[in-house]
């Protein structure tokens, strides 16, 4: 059973993308719900904001899922990649605003260890899952899958900021200097990475669309 599953994962692009999308959507939704509950319990504006952010990314996954139809043309799939890139670029404004909010929080909240462990489990699982999927199954012409993995990487990066802030608030509340050094560096790095991801998607999609247009004119 397992060898058949692995073989299908390697060969069947549509099956692989559908599986990754469904799993990531479920994890994304569950994590957003967890952050919403944690935001209510701890009265955390940051948790509320990140919960909304993950809800938006879940909607994007639904949009990407609709592009899996075999009736969709190659041009439509490439345009989906470009649309995802534009969305990620625009949402970076919201992410940057949330990070600014996080950096300017003056009251440190001591979070329960279960909250920290849950955040850590999701963050490292999402990061490992994204890197593994991208390295092992990514193909240059698998456009919808590229969108899925890029969104997953963005989710993992933003979650890393949330985890770092939570850990510092729980176990390093007295070390304000450490927080002032680590958090700006981490937030700035994540914001830049999201912009890079978005620009790469947009550039790749535009180049491929120009190439297709040129090939069609030659015909």
C-alpha atoms as a PDB file:
ATOM      1  CA  UNK A   1       0.000   0.000   0.000  1.00  0.00           C
ATOM      2  CA  UNK A   2       2.742   2.447   1.007  1.00  0.00           C
ATOM      3  CA  UNK A   3       4.947   1.790  -2.071  1.00  0.00           C
ATOM      4  CA  UNK A   4       1.902   2.323  -4.307  1.00  0.00           C
ATOM      5  CA  UNK A   5       1.142   5.591  -2.519  1.00  0.00           C
ATOM      6  CA  UNK A   6       4.736   6.839  -2.912  1.00  0.00           C
ATOM      7  CA  UNK A   7       4.828   5.823  -6.573  1.00  0.00           C
ATOM      8  CA  UNK A   8       1.583   7.678  -7.252  1.00  0.00           C
ATOM      9  CA  UNK A   9       2.897  10.734  -5.401  1.00  0.00           C
ATOM     10  CA  UNK A  10       5.901  10.825  -7.728  1.00  0.00           C
ATOM     11  CA  UNK A  11       4.075  10.220 -10.995  1.00  0.00           C
ATOM     12  CA  UNK A  12       0.614  11.760 -10.563  1.00  0.00           C
ATOM     13  CA  UNK A  13       0.974  15.535 -10.375  1.00  0.00           C
ATOM     14  CA  UNK A  14      -2.758  16.214  -9.900  1.00  0.00           C
ATOM     15  CA  UNK A  15      -3.042  13.646  -7.098  1.00  0.00           C
ATOM     16  CA  UNK A  16       0.049  15.008  -5.350  1.00  0.00           C
ATOM     17  CA  UNK A  17      -1.156  18.598  -5.543  1.00  0.00           C
ATOM     18  CA  UNK A  18      -4.654  17.698  -4.354  1.00  0.00           C
ATOM     19  CA  UNK A  19      -3.254  15.796  -1.377  1.00  0.00           C
ATOM     20  CA  UNK A  20      -0.893  18.614  -0.372  1.00  0.00           C
ATOM     21  CA  UNK A  21      -3.662  21.182  -0.768  1.00  0.00           C
ATOM     22  CA  UNK A  22      -6.157  19.250   1.356  1.00  0.00           C
ATOM     23  CA  UNK A  23      -3.654  18.528   4.128  1.00  0.00           C
ATOM     24  CA  UNK A  24      -2.318  22.078   4.199  1.00  0.00           C
ATOM     25  CA  UNK A  25      -5.852  23.508   4.132  1.00  0.00           C
ATOM     26  CA  UNK A  26      -6.910  21.390   7.119  1.00  0.00           C
ATOM     27  CA  UNK A  27      -3.761  22.272   9.089  1.00  0.00           C
ATOM     28  CA  UNK A  28      -4.095  25.937   8.107  1.00  0.00           C
ATOM     29  CA  UNK A  29      -7.733  26.086   9.256  1.00  0.00           C
ATOM     30  CA  UNK A  30      -7.039  24.243  12.507  1.00  0.00           C
ATOM     31  CA  UNK A  31      -4.095  26.531  13.269  1.00  0.00           C
ATOM     32  CA  UNK A  32      -6.167  29.653  12.533  1.00  0.00           C
ATOM     33  CA  UNK A  33      -8.880  28.377  14.906  1.00  0.00           C
ATOM     34  CA  UNK A  34      -6.263  27.668  17.583  1.00  0.00           C
ATOM     35  CA  UNK A  35      -4.816  31.182  17.263  1.00  0.00           C
ATOM     36  CA  UNK A  36      -8.309  32.674  17.471  1.00  0.00           C
ATOM     37  CA  UNK A  37      -9.023  30.781  20.692  1.00  0.00           C
ATOM     38  CA  UNK A  38      -5.598  31.717  22.092  1.00  0.00           C
ATOM     39  CA  UNK A  39      -6.249  35.339  21.144  1.00  0.00           C
ATOM     40  CA  UNK A  40      -9.492  35.295  23.133  1.00  0.00           C
ATOM     41  CA  UNK A  41      -7.886  33.588  26.137  1.00  0.00           C
ATOM     42  CA  UNK A  42      -4.835  35.873  26.292  1.00  0.00           C
ATOM     43  CA  UNK A  43      -6.508  38.993  24.824  1.00  0.00           C
ATOM     44  CA  UNK A  44      -3.723  39.040  22.247  1.00  0.00           C
ATOM     45  CA  UNK A  45      -4.159  41.378  19.275  1.00  0.00           C
ATOM     46  CA  UNK A  46      -1.271  39.609  17.529  1.00  0.00           C
ATOM     47  CA  UNK A  47      -2.951  36.191  17.731  1.00  0.00           C
ATOM     48  CA  UNK A  48      -6.183  37.687  16.391  1.00  0.00           C
ATOM     49  CA  UNK A  49      -4.336  39.311  13.488  1.00  0.00           C
ATOM     50  CA  UNK A  50      -2.417  36.157  12.588  1.00  0.00           C
ATOM     51  CA  UNK A  51      -5.620  34.094  12.786  1.00  0.00           C
ATOM     52  CA  UNK A  52      -7.202  36.399  10.186  1.00  0.00           C
ATOM     53  CA  UNK A  53      -4.038  36.183   8.088  1.00  0.00           C
ATOM     54  CA  UNK A  54      -4.153  32.381   8.049  1.00  0.00           C
ATOM     55  CA  UNK A  55      -7.858  32.473   7.226  1.00  0.00           C
ATOM     56  CA  UNK A  56      -7.015  34.568   4.149  1.00  0.00           C
ATOM     57  CA  UNK A  57      -4.361  32.067   3.090  1.00  0.00           C
ATOM     58  CA  UNK A  58      -6.936  29.282   3.479  1.00  0.00           C
ATOM     59  CA  UNK A  59      -9.162  31.156   1.019  1.00  0.00           C
ATOM     60  CA  UNK A  60      -6.233  31.396  -1.397  1.00  0.00           C
ATOM     61  CA  UNK A  61      -5.795  27.626  -1.147  1.00  0.00           C
ATOM     62  CA  UNK A  62      -9.439  27.180  -2.152  1.00  0.00           C
ATOM     63  CA  UNK A  63      -8.791  29.430  -5.153  1.00  0.00           C
ATOM     64  CA  UNK A  64      -5.758  27.349  -6.110  1.00  0.00           C
ATOM     65  CA  UNK A  65      -7.732  24.124  -5.627  1.00  0.00           C
ATOM     66  CA  UNK A  66     -10.203  25.255  -8.264  1.00  0.00           C
ATOM     67  CA  UNK A  67      -7.372  25.397 -10.790  1.00  0.00           C
ATOM     68  CA  UNK A  68      -6.812  21.631 -10.544  1.00  0.00           C
ATOM     69  CA  UNK A  69      -9.621  20.950 -12.989  1.00  0.00           C
ATOM     70  CA  UNK A  70      -8.286  19.228 -16.136  1.00  0.00           C
ATOM     71  CA  UNK A  71     -10.405  21.671 -18.131  1.00  0.00           C
ATOM     72  CA  UNK A  72      -8.150  24.523 -17.041  1.00  0.00           C
ATOM     73  CA  UNK A  73      -5.662  25.555 -19.692  1.00  0.00           C
ATOM     74  CA  UNK A  74      -1.930  25.941 -19.122  1.00  0.00           C
ATOM     75  CA  UNK A  75      -2.311  29.709 -19.490  1.00  0.00           C
ATOM     76  CA  UNK A  76      -4.967  29.767 -16.762  1.00  0.00           C
ATOM     77  CA  UNK A  77      -2.679  27.815 -14.409  1.00  0.00           C
ATOM     78  CA  UNK A  78       0.227  30.169 -15.047  1.00  0.00           C
ATOM     79  CA  UNK A  79      -2.054  33.139 -14.382  1.00  0.00           C
ATOM     80  CA  UNK A  80      -2.962  31.476 -11.094  1.00  0.00           C
ATOM     81  CA  UNK A  81       0.718  31.522 -10.151  1.00  0.00           C
ATOM     82  CA  UNK A  82       0.895  35.219 -10.989  1.00  0.00           C
ATOM     83  CA  UNK A  83      -2.282  35.944  -8.997  1.00  0.00           C
ATOM     84  CA  UNK A  84      -0.798  34.143  -5.985  1.00  0.00           C
ATOM     85  CA  UNK A  85       2.376  36.191  -6.317  1.00  0.00           C
ATOM     86  CA  UNK A  86       0.430  39.456  -6.438  1.00  0.00           C
ATOM     87  CA  UNK A  87      -1.636  38.400  -3.424  1.00  0.00           C
ATOM     88  CA  UNK A  88       1.462  37.497  -1.405  1.00  0.00           C
ATOM     89  CA  UNK A  89       3.081  40.809  -2.326  1.00  0.00           C
ATOM     90  CA  UNK A  90       0.008  42.768  -1.200  1.00  0.00           C
ATOM     91  CA  UNK A  91      -0.509  40.748   1.954  1.00  0.00           C
ATOM     92  CA  UNK A  92       3.091  41.496   2.912  1.00  0.00           C
ATOM     93  CA  UNK A  93       1.828  44.981   3.766  1.00  0.00           C
ATOM     94  CA  UNK A  94      -0.559  43.402   6.266  1.00  0.00           C
ATOM     95  CA  UNK A  95       2.182  41.116   7.592  1.00  0.00           C
ATOM     96  CA  UNK A  96       4.547  44.046   8.026  1.00  0.00           C
ATOM     97  CA  UNK A  97       1.831  45.933   9.888  1.00  0.00           C
ATOM     98  CA  UNK A  98       1.227  42.977  12.179  1.00  0.00           C
ATOM     99  CA  UNK A  99       4.941  42.673  12.887  1.00  0.00           C
ATOM    100  CA  UNK A 100       5.125  46.377  13.696  1.00  0.00           C
ATOM    101  CA  UNK A 101       2.264  45.784  16.120  1.00  0.00           C
ATOM    102  CA  UNK A 102       4.154  42.885  17.669  1.00  0.00           C
ATOM    103  CA  UNK A 103       7.381  44.853  18.049  1.00  0.00           C
ATOM    104  CA  UNK A 104       5.570  47.699  19.798  1.00  0.00           C
ATOM    105  CA  UNK A 105       3.764  45.538  22.358  1.00  0.00           C
ATOM    106  CA  UNK A 106       5.021  46.682  25.735  1.00  0.00           C
ATOM    107  CA  UNK A 107       3.286  44.125  27.916  1.00  0.00           C
ATOM    108  CA  UNK A 108       4.731  40.627  27.866  1.00  0.00           C
ATOM    109  CA  UNK A 109       2.257  37.812  28.478  1.00  0.00           C
ATOM    110  CA  UNK A 110       3.331  34.528  30.009  1.00  0.00           C
ATOM    111  CA  UNK A 111       1.799  31.863  27.781  1.00  0.00           C
ATOM    112  CA  UNK A 112       1.018  28.341  28.915  1.00  0.00           C
ATOM    113  CA  UNK A 113       3.560  25.725  27.893  1.00  0.00           C
ATOM    114  CA  UNK A 114       0.923  23.821  25.896  1.00  0.00           C
ATOM    115  CA  UNK A 115       0.408  26.929  23.764  1.00  0.00           C
ATOM    116  CA  UNK A 116       4.126  27.200  23.061  1.00  0.00           C
ATOM    117  CA  UNK A 117       4.433  23.476  22.290  1.00  0.00           C
ATOM    118  CA  UNK A 118       1.472  23.642  19.890  1.00  0.00           C
ATOM    119  CA  UNK A 119       2.989  26.617  18.070  1.00  0.00           C
ATOM    120  CA  UNK A 120       6.374  24.901  17.877  1.00  0.00           C
ATOM    121  CA  UNK A 121       4.851  21.650  16.579  1.00  0.00           C
ATOM    122  CA  UNK A 122       2.956  23.431  13.818  1.00  0.00           C
ATOM    123  CA  UNK A 123       5.864  25.694  12.869  1.00  0.00           C
ATOM    124  CA  UNK A 124       8.553  23.043  12.514  1.00  0.00           C
ATOM    125  CA  UNK A 125       6.167  20.522  10.931  1.00  0.00           C
ATOM    126  CA  UNK A 126       5.012  23.083   8.355  1.00  0.00           C
ATOM    127  CA  UNK A 127       8.582  24.157   7.607  1.00  0.00           C
ATOM    128  CA  UNK A 128       9.877  20.594   7.218  1.00  0.00           C
ATOM    129  CA  UNK A 129       6.822  19.567   5.184  1.00  0.00           C
ATOM    130  CA  UNK A 130       7.233  22.507   2.813  1.00  0.00           C
ATOM    131  CA  UNK A 131      10.961  22.060   2.285  1.00  0.00           C
ATOM    132  CA  UNK A 132      10.650  18.302   1.781  1.00  0.00           C
ATOM    133  CA  UNK A 133       7.784  18.645  -0.686  1.00  0.00           C
ATOM    134  CA  UNK A 134       9.531  21.364  -2.647  1.00  0.00           C
ATOM    135  CA  UNK A 135      12.852  19.543  -2.841  1.00  0.00           C
ATOM    136  CA  UNK A 136      11.475  16.079  -3.630  1.00  0.00           C
ATOM    137  CA  UNK A 137       8.403  16.661  -5.773  1.00  0.00           C
ATOM    138  CA  UNK A 138       8.695  20.110  -7.297  1.00  0.00           C
ATOM    139  CA  UNK A 139       8.806  20.357 -11.071  1.00  0.00           C
ATOM    140  CA  UNK A 140       9.315  23.445 -13.186  1.00  0.00           C
ATOM    141  CA  UNK A 141       6.052  22.876 -15.087  1.00  0.00           C
ATOM    142  CA  UNK A 142       3.922  22.003 -12.046  1.00  0.00           C
ATOM    143  CA  UNK A 143       2.510  25.498 -11.582  1.00  0.00           C
ATOM    144  CA  UNK A 144      -0.336  24.811  -9.156  1.00  0.00           C
ATOM    145  CA  UNK A 145       1.954  22.750  -6.936  1.00  0.00           C
ATOM    146  CA  UNK A 146       4.428  25.646  -6.945  1.00  0.00           C
ATOM    147  CA  UNK A 147       1.695  27.920  -5.576  1.00  0.00           C
ATOM    148  CA  UNK A 148       0.845  25.407  -2.848  1.00  0.00           C
ATOM    149  CA  UNK A 149       4.420  25.072  -1.652  1.00  0.00           C
ATOM    150  CA  UNK A 150       5.106  28.806  -1.741  1.00  0.00           C
ATOM    151  CA  UNK A 151       2.021  29.498   0.381  1.00  0.00           C
ATOM    152  CA  UNK A 152       3.117  26.777   2.806  1.00  0.00           C
ATOM    153  CA  UNK A 153       6.588  28.315   3.091  1.00  0.00           C
ATOM    154  CA  UNK A 154       5.074  31.727   3.799  1.00  0.00           C
ATOM    155  CA  UNK A 155       2.843  30.191   6.484  1.00  0.00           C
ATOM    156  CA  UNK A 156       5.829  28.512   8.135  1.00  0.00           C
ATOM    157  CA  UNK A 157       7.881  31.730   8.080  1.00  0.00           C
ATOM    158  CA  UNK A 158       5.136  33.822   9.663  1.00  0.00           C
ATOM    159  CA  UNK A 159       4.528  31.097  12.221  1.00  0.00           C
ATOM    160  CA  UNK A 160       8.230  31.244  13.105  1.00  0.00           C
ATOM    161  CA  UNK A 161       7.764  34.904  14.084  1.00  0.00           C
ATOM    162  CA  UNK A 162       4.755  34.002  16.227  1.00  0.00           C
ATOM    163  CA  UNK A 163       6.628  31.152  17.901  1.00  0.00           C
ATOM    164  CA  UNK A 164       9.720  33.273  18.623  1.00  0.00           C
ATOM    165  CA  UNK A 165       7.652  36.056  20.139  1.00  0.00           C
ATOM    166  CA  UNK A 166       5.676  33.610  22.265  1.00  0.00           C
ATOM    167  CA  UNK A 167       8.794  31.835  23.521  1.00  0.00           C
ATOM    168  CA  UNK A 168      10.480  35.127  24.406  1.00  0.00           C
ATOM    169  CA  UNK A 169       7.347  36.306  26.217  1.00  0.00           C
ATOM    170  CA  UNK A 170       7.112  33.034  28.147  1.00  0.00           C
ATOM    171  CA  UNK A 171      10.732  32.335  29.061  1.00  0.00           C
ATOM    172  CA  UNK A 172      12.547  35.584  28.312  1.00  0.00           C
ATOM    173  CA  UNK A 173      10.138  38.242  29.561  1.00  0.00           C
ATOM    174  CA  UNK A 174      12.846  39.849  31.701  1.00  0.00           C
ATOM    175  CA  UNK A 175      15.368  40.058  28.871  1.00  0.00           C
ATOM    176  CA  UNK A 176      14.094  43.090  26.956  1.00  0.00           C
ATOM    177  CA  UNK A 177      17.429  43.548  25.173  1.00  0.00           C
ATOM    178  CA  UNK A 178      17.249  40.074  23.661  1.00  0.00           C
ATOM    179  CA  UNK A 179      13.720  40.737  22.424  1.00  0.00           C
ATOM    180  CA  UNK A 180      14.728  44.090  20.910  1.00  0.00           C
ATOM    181  CA  UNK A 181      17.552  42.435  18.958  1.00  0.00           C
ATOM    182  CA  UNK A 182      16.000  39.146  17.832  1.00  0.00           C
ATOM    183  CA  UNK A 183      12.475  40.227  16.918  1.00  0.00           C
ATOM    184  CA  UNK A 184      13.362  43.133  14.547  1.00  0.00           C
ATOM    185  CA  UNK A 185      15.897  40.920  12.736  1.00  0.00           C
ATOM    186  CA  UNK A 186      13.464  38.032  12.429  1.00  0.00           C
ATOM    187  CA  UNK A 187      10.519  40.196  11.394  1.00  0.00           C
ATOM    188  CA  UNK A 188      12.589  42.028   8.793  1.00  0.00           C
ATOM    189  CA  UNK A 189      13.956  38.768   7.375  1.00  0.00           C
ATOM    190  CA  UNK A 190      10.493  37.200   7.090  1.00  0.00           C
ATOM    191  CA  UNK A 191       9.040  40.324   5.457  1.00  0.00           C
ATOM    192  CA  UNK A 192      11.853  40.335   2.879  1.00  0.00           C
ATOM    193  CA  UNK A 193      11.429  36.610   2.206  1.00  0.00           C
ATOM    194  CA  UNK A 194       7.708  37.032   1.512  1.00  0.00           C
ATOM    195  CA  UNK A 195       8.480  39.828  -0.955  1.00  0.00           C
ATOM    196  CA  UNK A 196      11.107  37.628  -2.650  1.00  0.00           C
ATOM    197  CA  UNK A 197       8.691  34.683  -2.873  1.00  0.00           C
ATOM    198  CA  UNK A 198       6.035  36.931  -4.397  1.00  0.00           C
ATOM    199  CA  UNK A 199       8.365  38.577  -6.920  1.00  0.00           C
ATOM    200  CA  UNK A 200       9.776  35.212  -8.022  1.00  0.00           C
ATOM    201  CA  UNK A 201       6.261  33.876  -8.646  1.00  0.00           C
ATOM    202  CA  UNK A 202       5.238  36.990 -10.587  1.00  0.00           C
ATOM    203  CA  UNK A 203       8.449  37.067 -12.644  1.00  0.00           C
ATOM    204  CA  UNK A 204       8.314  33.335 -13.431  1.00  0.00           C
ATOM    205  CA  UNK A 205       4.664  33.538 -14.479  1.00  0.00           C
ATOM    206  CA  UNK A 206       5.217  36.596 -16.679  1.00  0.00           C
ATOM    207  CA  UNK A 207       8.220  35.008 -18.390  1.00  0.00           C
ATOM    208  CA  UNK A 208       6.297  31.814 -19.063  1.00  0.00           C
ATOM    209  CA  UNK A 209       3.271  33.727 -20.391  1.00  0.00           C
ATOM    210  CA  UNK A 210       5.513  35.711 -22.743  1.00  0.00           C
ATOM    211  CA  UNK A 211       7.103  32.478 -23.911  1.00  0.00           C
ATOM    212  CA  UNK A 212       3.711  30.891 -24.600  1.00  0.00           C
ATOM    213  CA  UNK A 213       2.539  33.982 -26.446  1.00  0.00           C
ATOM    214  CA  UNK A 214       5.668  33.927 -28.620  1.00  0.00           C
ATOM    215  CA  UNK A 215       5.218  30.215 -29.378  1.00  0.00           C
ATOM    216  CA  UNK A 216       1.587  30.774 -30.367  1.00  0.00           C
ATOM    217  CA  UNK A 217       2.535  33.627 -32.718  1.00  0.00           C
ATOM    218  CA  UNK A 218       5.135  31.442 -34.421  1.00  0.00           C
ATOM    219  CA  UNK A 219       2.485  28.843 -35.090  1.00  0.00           C
END
